[in-house]
PDB file of all heavy atoms in Angstrom:
ATOM      1  N   VAL A   1      49.171  55.977 126.519  1.00  0.00           N
ATOM      2  CA  VAL A   1      49.976  56.952 127.274  1.00  0.00           C
ATOM      3  C   VAL A   1      51.352  57.100 126.646  1.00  0.00           C
ATOM      4  O   VAL A   1      51.860  58.216 126.470  1.00  0.00           O
ATOM      5  CB  VAL A   1      50.085  56.508 128.745  1.00  0.00           C
ATOM      6  CG1 VAL A   1      50.997  57.460 129.511  1.00  0.00           C
ATOM      7  CG2 VAL A   1      48.715  56.459 129.399  1.00  0.00           C
ATOM      8  N   THR A   2      51.974  55.979 126.284  1.00  0.00           N
ATOM      9  CA  THR A   2      53.288  56.029 125.634  1.00  0.00           C
ATOM     10  C   THR A   2      53.207  56.774 124.311  1.00  0.00           C
ATOM     11  O   THR A   2      54.074  57.588 123.978  1.00  0.00           O
ATOM     12  CB  THR A   2      53.807  54.605 125.393  1.00  0.00           C
ATOM     13  OG1 THR A   2      53.856  53.904 126.637  1.00  0.00           O
ATOM     14  CG2 THR A   2      55.194  54.639 124.780  1.00  0.00           C
ATOM     15  N   THR A   3      52.137  56.527 123.560  1.00  0.00           N
ATOM     16  CA  THR A   3      51.938  57.234 122.291  1.00  0.00           C
ATOM     17  C   THR A   3      51.837  58.731 122.510  1.00  0.00           C
ATOM     18  O   THR A   3      52.464  59.529 121.782  1.00  0.00           O
ATOM     19  CB  THR A   3      50.668  56.720 121.595  1.00  0.00           C
ATOM     20  OG1 THR A   3      50.780  55.316 121.369  1.00  0.00           O
ATOM     21  CG2 THR A   3      50.439  57.440 120.281  1.00  0.00           C
ATOM     22  N   ALA A   4      51.047  59.139 123.507  1.00  0.00           N
ATOM     23  CA  ALA A   4      50.853  60.566 123.768  1.00  0.00           C
ATOM     24  C   ALA A   4      52.148  61.235 124.222  1.00  0.00           C
ATOM     25  O   ALA A   4      52.469  62.344 123.780  1.00  0.00           O
ATOM     26  CB  ALA A   4      49.765  60.754 124.816  1.00  0.00           C
ATOM     27  N   VAL A   5      52.904  60.574 125.089  1.00  0.00           N
ATOM     28  CA  VAL A   5      54.148  61.171 125.602  1.00  0.00           C
ATOM     29  C   VAL A   5      55.175  61.332 124.488  1.00  0.00           C
ATOM     30  O   VAL A   5      55.782  62.404 124.308  1.00  0.00           O
ATOM     31  CB  VAL A   5      54.713  60.310 126.753  1.00  0.00           C
ATOM     32  CG1 VAL A   5      56.102  60.798 127.144  1.00  0.00           C
ATOM     33  CG2 VAL A   5      53.792  60.355 127.958  1.00  0.00           C
ATOM     34  N   ILE A   6      55.378  60.260 123.722  1.00  0.00           N
ATOM     35  CA  ILE A   6      56.352  60.333 122.627  1.00  0.00           C
ATOM     36  C   ILE A   6      55.910  61.350 121.578  1.00  0.00           C
ATOM     37  O   ILE A   6      56.718  62.150 121.082  1.00  0.00           O
ATOM     38  CB  ILE A   6      56.537  58.943 121.994  1.00  0.00           C
ATOM     39  CG1 ILE A   6      57.142  57.978 123.014  1.00  0.00           C
ATOM     40  CG2 ILE A   6      57.425  59.027 120.759  1.00  0.00           C
ATOM     41  CD1 ILE A   6      57.275  56.556 122.515  1.00  0.00           C
ATOM     42  N   GLY A   7      54.612  61.343 121.232  1.00  0.00           N
ATOM     43  CA  GLY A   7      54.114  62.292 120.252  1.00  0.00           C
ATOM     44  C   GLY A   7      54.258  63.728 120.710  1.00  0.00           C
ATOM     45  O   GLY A   7      54.619  64.613 119.920  1.00  0.00           O
ATOM     46  N   PHE A   8      53.997  63.972 121.992  1.00  0.00           N
ATOM     47  CA  PHE A   8      54.110  65.335 122.514  1.00  0.00           C
ATOM     48  C   PHE A   8      55.556  65.826 122.478  1.00  0.00           C
ATOM     49  O   PHE A   8      55.824  66.967 122.076  1.00  0.00           O
ATOM     50  CB  PHE A   8      53.571  65.378 123.943  1.00  0.00           C
ATOM     51  CG  PHE A   8      53.706  66.710 124.615  1.00  0.00           C
ATOM     52  CD1 PHE A   8      52.966  67.802 124.192  1.00  0.00           C
ATOM     53  CD2 PHE A   8      54.588  66.884 125.677  1.00  0.00           C
ATOM     54  CE1 PHE A   8      53.096  69.045 124.803  1.00  0.00           C
ATOM     55  CE2 PHE A   8      54.731  68.112 126.287  1.00  0.00           C
ATOM     56  CZ  PHE A   8      53.974  69.192 125.855  1.00  0.00           C
ATOM     57  N   VAL A   9      56.489  64.975 122.889  1.00  0.00           N
ATOM     58  CA  VAL A   9      57.905  65.367 122.868  1.00  0.00           C
ATOM     59  C   VAL A   9      58.369  65.626 121.443  1.00  0.00           C
ATOM     60  O   VAL A   9      59.059  66.620 121.150  1.00  0.00           O
ATOM     61  CB  VAL A   9      58.762  64.286 123.548  1.00  0.00           C
ATOM     62  CG1 VAL A   9      60.243  64.614 123.393  1.00  0.00           C
ATOM     63  CG2 VAL A   9      58.407  64.161 125.018  1.00  0.00           C
ATOM     64  N   LEU A  10      57.988  64.740 120.516  1.00  0.00           N
ATOM     65  CA  LEU A  10      58.372  64.931 119.115  1.00  0.00           C
ATOM     66  C   LEU A  10      57.761  66.201 118.541  1.00  0.00           C
ATOM     67  O   LEU A  10      58.396  66.908 117.750  1.00  0.00           O
ATOM     68  CB  LEU A  10      57.939  63.713 118.301  1.00  0.00           C
ATOM     69  CG  LEU A  10      58.702  62.414 118.560  1.00  0.00           C
ATOM     70  CD1 LEU A  10      58.111  61.281 117.729  1.00  0.00           C
ATOM     71  CD2 LEU A  10      60.183  62.580 118.260  1.00  0.00           C
ATOM     72  N   TYR A  11      56.526  66.500 118.938  1.00  0.00           N
ATOM     73  CA  TYR A  11      55.881  67.721 118.448  1.00  0.00           C
ATOM     74  C   TYR A  11      56.635  68.957 118.910  1.00  0.00           C
ATOM     75  O   TYR A  11      56.872  69.885 118.112  1.00  0.00           O
ATOM     76  CB  TYR A  11      54.435  67.775 118.928  1.00  0.00           C
ATOM     77  CG  TYR A  11      53.796  69.122 118.741  1.00  0.00           C
ATOM     78  CD1 TYR A  11      53.368  69.541 117.488  1.00  0.00           C
ATOM     79  CD2 TYR A  11      53.648  69.998 119.823  1.00  0.00           C
ATOM     80  CE1 TYR A  11      52.801  70.792 117.302  1.00  0.00           C
ATOM     81  CE2 TYR A  11      53.084  71.253 119.644  1.00  0.00           C
ATOM     82  CZ  TYR A  11      52.659  71.645 118.385  1.00  0.00           C
ATOM     83  OH  TYR A  11      52.105  72.887 118.208  1.00  0.00           O
ATOM     84  N   LEU A  12      56.982  69.006 120.193  1.00  0.00           N
ATOM     85  CA  LEU A  12      57.707  70.174 120.703  1.00  0.00           C
ATOM     86  C   LEU A  12      59.034  70.368 119.969  1.00  0.00           C
ATOM     87  O   LEU A  12      59.394  71.490 119.585  1.00  0.00           O
ATOM     88  CB  LEU A  12      57.959  70.018 122.210  1.00  0.00           C
ATOM     89  CG  LEU A  12      56.773  70.241 123.150  1.00  0.00           C
ATOM     90  CD1 LEU A  12      57.208  70.054 124.595  1.00  0.00           C
ATOM     91  CD2 LEU A  12      56.171  71.626 122.958  1.00  0.00           C
ATOM     92  N   VAL A  13      59.743  69.269 119.755  1.00  0.00           N
ATOM     93  CA  VAL A  13      61.038  69.372 119.063  1.00  0.00           C
ATOM     94  C   VAL A  13      60.834  69.814 117.619  1.00  0.00           C
ATOM     95  O   VAL A  13      61.518  70.729 117.121  1.00  0.00           O
ATOM     96  CB  VAL A  13      61.781  68.029 119.132  1.00  0.00           C
ATOM     97  CG1 VAL A  13      63.063  68.083 118.289  1.00  0.00           C
ATOM     98  CG2 VAL A  13      62.119  67.679 120.572  1.00  0.00           C
ATOM     99  N   ALA A  14      59.877  69.187 116.935  1.00  0.00           N
ATOM    100  CA  ALA A  14      59.685  69.470 115.513  1.00  0.00           C
ATOM    101  C   ALA A  14      59.206  70.896 115.281  1.00  0.00           C
ATOM    102  O   ALA A  14      59.739  71.614 114.420  1.00  0.00           O
ATOM    103  CB  ALA A  14      58.691  68.468 114.920  1.00  0.00           C
ATOM    104  N   ILE A  15      58.177  71.333 116.034  1.00  0.00           N
ATOM    105  CA  ILE A  15      57.627  72.663 115.798  1.00  0.00           C
ATOM    106  C   ILE A  15      58.632  73.754 116.169  1.00  0.00           C
ATOM    107  O   ILE A  15      58.687  74.819 115.534  1.00  0.00           O
ATOM    108  CB  ILE A  15      56.306  72.856 116.581  1.00  0.00           C
ATOM    109  CG1 ILE A  15      55.521  74.052 116.041  1.00  0.00           C
ATOM    110  CG2 ILE A  15      56.576  73.022 118.061  1.00  0.00           C
ATOM    111  CD1 ILE A  15      55.029  73.879 114.644  1.00  0.00           C
ATOM    112  N   THR A  16      59.481  73.488 117.160  1.00  0.00           N
ATOM    113  CA  THR A  16      60.494  74.469 117.549  1.00  0.00           C
ATOM    114  C   THR A  16      61.579  74.581 116.485  1.00  0.00           C
ATOM    115  O   THR A  16      61.995  75.688 116.108  1.00  0.00           O
ATOM    116  CB  THR A  16      61.111  74.095 118.904  1.00  0.00           C
ATOM    117  OG1 THR A  16      60.079  73.968 119.889  1.00  0.00           O
ATOM    118  CG2 THR A  16      62.105  75.138 119.355  1.00  0.00           C
ATOM    119  N   VAL A  17      62.044  73.441 115.977  1.00  0.00           N
ATOM    120  CA  VAL A  17      63.105  73.455 114.965  1.00  0.00           C
ATOM    121  C   VAL A  17      62.613  74.092 113.674  1.00  0.00           C
ATOM    122  O   VAL A  17      63.283  74.957 113.082  1.00  0.00           O
ATOM    123  CB  VAL A  17      63.615  72.018 114.717  1.00  0.00           C
ATOM    124  CG1 VAL A  17      64.571  71.994 113.526  1.00  0.00           C
ATOM    125  CG2 VAL A  17      64.301  71.486 115.953  1.00  0.00           C
ATOM    126  N   VAL A  18      61.425  73.704 113.221  1.00  0.00           N
ATOM    127  CA  VAL A  18      60.888  74.264 111.976  1.00  0.00           C
ATOM    128  C   VAL A  18      60.651  75.764 112.121  1.00  0.00           C
ATOM    129  O   VAL A  18      60.971  76.552 111.208  1.00  0.00           O
ATOM    130  CB  VAL A  18      59.583  73.534 111.592  1.00  0.00           C
ATOM    131  CG1 VAL A  18      58.925  74.223 110.401  1.00  0.00           C
ATOM    132  CG2 VAL A  18      59.865  72.084 111.264  1.00  0.00           C
ATOM    133  N   SER A  19      60.078  76.184 113.257  1.00  0.00           N
ATOM    134  CA  SER A  19      59.843  77.601 113.475  1.00  0.00           C
ATOM    135  C   SER A  19      61.151  78.385 113.566  1.00  0.00           C
ATOM    136  O   SER A  19      61.230  79.516 113.098  1.00  0.00           O
ATOM    137  CB  SER A  19      59.020  77.796 114.748  1.00  0.00           C
ATOM    138  OG  SER A  19      58.762  79.159 114.977  1.00  0.00           O
ATOM    139  N   GLN A  20      62.174  77.782 114.131  1.00  0.00           N
ATOM    140  CA  GLN A  20      63.478  78.431 114.222  1.00  0.00           C
ATOM    141  C   GLN A  20      64.065  78.680 112.834  1.00  0.00           C
ATOM    142  O   GLN A  20      64.623  79.740 112.568  1.00  0.00           O
ATOM    143  CB  GLN A  20      64.431  77.558 115.046  1.00  0.00           C
ATOM    144  CG  GLN A  20      65.857  78.069 115.153  1.00  0.00           C
ATOM    145  CD  GLN A  20      65.970  79.252 116.085  1.00  0.00           C
ATOM    146  OE1 GLN A  20      65.254  79.333 117.069  1.00  0.00           O
ATOM    147  NE2 GLN A  20      66.869  80.185 115.777  1.00  0.00           N
ATOM    148  N   LEU A  21      63.894  77.728 111.940  1.00  0.00           N
ATOM    149  CA  LEU A  21      64.456  77.854 110.595  1.00  0.00           C
ATOM    150  C   LEU A  21      63.680  78.844 109.740  1.00  0.00           C
ATOM    151  O   LEU A  21      64.271  79.525 108.890  1.00  0.00           O
ATOM    152  CB  LEU A  21      64.480  76.478 109.910  1.00  0.00           C
ATOM    153  CG  LEU A  21      65.392  75.417 110.547  1.00  0.00           C
ATOM    154  CD1 LEU A  21      65.228  74.084 109.847  1.00  0.00           C
ATOM    155  CD2 LEU A  21      66.853  75.872 110.511  1.00  0.00           C
ATOM    156  N   ILE A  22      62.386  78.944 109.935  1.00  0.00           N
ATOM    157  CA  ILE A  22      61.558  79.762 109.049  1.00  0.00           C
ATOM    158  C   ILE A  22      61.191  81.101 109.678  1.00  0.00           C
ATOM    159  O   ILE A  22      61.259  82.147 109.015  1.00  0.00           O
ATOM    160  CB  ILE A  22      60.277  78.986 108.652  1.00  0.00           C
ATOM    161  CG1 ILE A  22      60.664  77.715 107.873  1.00  0.00           C
ATOM    162  CG2 ILE A  22      59.346  79.856 107.824  1.00  0.00           C
ATOM    163  CD1 ILE A  22      59.473  76.855 107.512  1.00  0.00           C
ATOM    164  N   GLU A  23      60.800  81.086 110.956  1.00  0.00           N
ATOM    165  CA  GLU A  23      60.256  82.295 111.586  1.00  0.00           C
ATOM    166  C   GLU A  23      61.233  83.021 112.492  1.00  0.00           C
ATOM    167  O   GLU A  23      60.979  84.162 112.875  1.00  0.00           O
ATOM    168  CB  GLU A  23      59.008  81.928 112.403  1.00  0.00           C
ATOM    169  CG  GLU A  23      57.888  81.323 111.576  1.00  0.00           C
ATOM    170  CD  GLU A  23      56.708  80.884 112.418  1.00  0.00           C
ATOM    171  OE1 GLU A  23      56.948  80.207 113.441  1.00  0.00           O
ATOM    172  OE2 GLU A  23      55.563  81.211 112.066  1.00  0.00           O
ATOM    173  N   GLY A  24      62.292  82.372 112.891  1.00  0.00           N
ATOM    174  CA  GLY A  24      63.243  83.033 113.764  1.00  0.00           C
ATOM    175  C   GLY A  24      63.145  82.553 115.203  1.00  0.00           C
ATOM    176  O   GLY A  24      62.218  81.826 115.592  1.00  0.00           O
ATOM    177  N   GLY A  25      64.112  82.978 116.004  1.00  0.00           N
ATOM    178  CA  GLY A  25      64.219  82.485 117.373  1.00  0.00           C
ATOM    179  C   GLY A  25      63.086  82.918 118.284  1.00  0.00           C
ATOM    180  O   GLY A  25      62.613  82.151 119.117  1.00  0.00           O
ATOM    181  N   ARG A  26      62.598  84.154 118.150  1.00  0.00           N
ATOM    182  CA  ARG A  26      61.546  84.654 119.028  1.00  0.00           C
ATOM    183  C   ARG A  26      60.249  83.857 118.838  1.00  0.00           C
ATOM    184  O   ARG A  26      59.616  83.428 119.797  1.00  0.00           O
ATOM    185  CB  ARG A  26      61.302  86.129 118.765  1.00  0.00           C
ATOM    186  CG  ARG A  26      60.192  86.724 119.612  1.00  0.00           C
ATOM    187  CD  ARG A  26      60.021  88.201 119.355  1.00  0.00           C
ATOM    188  NE  ARG A  26      61.208  88.954 119.756  1.00  0.00           N
ATOM    189  CZ  ARG A  26      61.315  90.271 119.623  1.00  0.00           C
ATOM    190  NH1 ARG A  26      60.315  90.967 119.108  1.00  0.00           N
ATOM    191  NH2 ARG A  26      62.420  90.884 120.013  1.00  0.00           N
ATOM    192  N   LYS A  27      59.856  83.660 117.576  1.00  0.00           N
ATOM    193  CA  LYS A  27      58.626  82.922 117.304  1.00  0.00           C
ATOM    194  C   LYS A  27      58.773  81.464 117.685  1.00  0.00           C
ATOM    195  O   LYS A  27      57.816  80.817 118.155  1.00  0.00           O
ATOM    196  CB  LYS A  27      58.273  83.039 115.822  1.00  0.00           C
ATOM    197  CG  LYS A  27      56.890  82.517 115.460  1.00  0.00           C
ATOM    198  CD  LYS A  27      55.791  83.312 116.136  1.00  0.00           C
ATOM    199  CE  LYS A  27      54.419  82.826 115.716  1.00  0.00           C
ATOM    200  NZ  LYS A  27      53.335  83.571 116.379  1.00  0.00           N
ATOM    201  N   ALA A  28      59.979  80.908 117.498  1.00  0.00           N
ATOM    202  CA  ALA A  28      60.208  79.513 117.880  1.00  0.00           C
ATOM    203  C   ALA A  28      60.054  79.331 119.385  1.00  0.00           C
ATOM    204  O   ALA A  28      59.444  78.363 119.855  1.00  0.00           O
ATOM    205  CB  ALA A  28      61.596  79.076 117.422  1.00  0.00           C
ATOM    206  N   THR A  29      60.585  80.282 120.148  1.00  0.00           N
ATOM    207  CA  THR A  29      60.424  80.211 121.602  1.00  0.00           C
ATOM    208  C   THR A  29      58.960  80.324 122.002  1.00  0.00           C
ATOM    209  O   THR A  29      58.475  79.619 122.897  1.00  0.00           O
ATOM    210  CB  THR A  29      61.236  81.325 122.280  1.00  0.00           C
ATOM    211  OG1 THR A  29      62.608  81.214 121.882  1.00  0.00           O
ATOM    212  CG2 THR A  29      61.140  81.228 123.787  1.00  0.00           C
ATOM    213  N   ASP A  30      58.231  81.222 121.318  1.00  0.00           N
ATOM    214  CA  ASP A  30      56.808  81.379 121.598  1.00  0.00           C
ATOM    215  C   ASP A  30      56.043  80.090 121.322  1.00  0.00           C
ATOM    216  O   ASP A  30      55.188  79.681 122.116  1.00  0.00           O
ATOM    217  CB  ASP A  30      56.251  82.519 120.744  1.00  0.00           C
ATOM    218  CG  ASP A  30      54.748  82.690 120.935  1.00  0.00           C
ATOM    219  OD1 ASP A  30      54.344  83.150 122.015  1.00  0.00           O
ATOM    220  OD2 ASP A  30      53.985  82.347 120.007  1.00  0.00           O
ATOM    221  N   ARG A  31      56.326  79.438 120.211  1.00  0.00           N
ATOM    222  CA  ARG A  31      55.625  78.186 119.888  1.00  0.00           C
ATOM    223  C   ARG A  31      55.996  77.072 120.874  1.00  0.00           C
ATOM    224  O   ARG A  31      55.140  76.262 121.259  1.00  0.00           O
ATOM    225  CB  ARG A  31      55.955  77.753 118.462  1.00  0.00           C
ATOM    226  CG  ARG A  31      55.344  78.653 117.393  1.00  0.00           C
ATOM    227  CD  ARG A  31      55.501  78.046 116.006  1.00  0.00           C
ATOM    228  NE  ARG A  31      54.958  78.900 114.970  1.00  0.00           N
ATOM    229  CZ  ARG A  31      53.673  78.915 114.608  1.00  0.00           C
ATOM    230  NH1 ARG A  31      52.808  78.096 115.209  1.00  0.00           N
ATOM    231  NH2 ARG A  31      53.248  79.713 113.649  1.00  0.00           N
ATOM    232  N   PHE A  32      57.240  77.037 121.313  1.00  0.00           N
ATOM    233  CA  PHE A  32      57.659  76.015 122.280  1.00  0.00           C
ATOM    234  C   PHE A  32      56.939  76.204 123.611  1.00  0.00           C
ATOM    235  O   PHE A  32      56.404  75.243 124.183  1.00  0.00           O
ATOM    236  CB  PHE A  32      59.181  76.091 122.479  1.00  0.00           C
ATOM    237  CG  PHE A  32      59.686  75.169 123.554  1.00  0.00           C
ATOM    238  CD1 PHE A  32      59.855  73.814 123.312  1.00  0.00           C
ATOM    239  CD2 PHE A  32      59.990  75.665 124.820  1.00  0.00           C
ATOM    240  CE1 PHE A  32      60.315  72.966 124.298  1.00  0.00           C
ATOM    241  CE2 PHE A  32      60.446  74.822 125.817  1.00  0.00           C
ATOM    242  CZ  PHE A  32      60.612  73.463 125.551  1.00  0.00           C
TER     243      PHE A  32
END
C-alpha cells in the first residue's frame, strides 16, 4: 500500500511536470 501511494503521487507530479515542459499547460492539466 505504501509503495502504491508513494508511486502514484510521484507519477502525478512527474507526468505533470514533464508534460508542462514539453506539451504545455493545457495538456499537462489533462494528464494530471
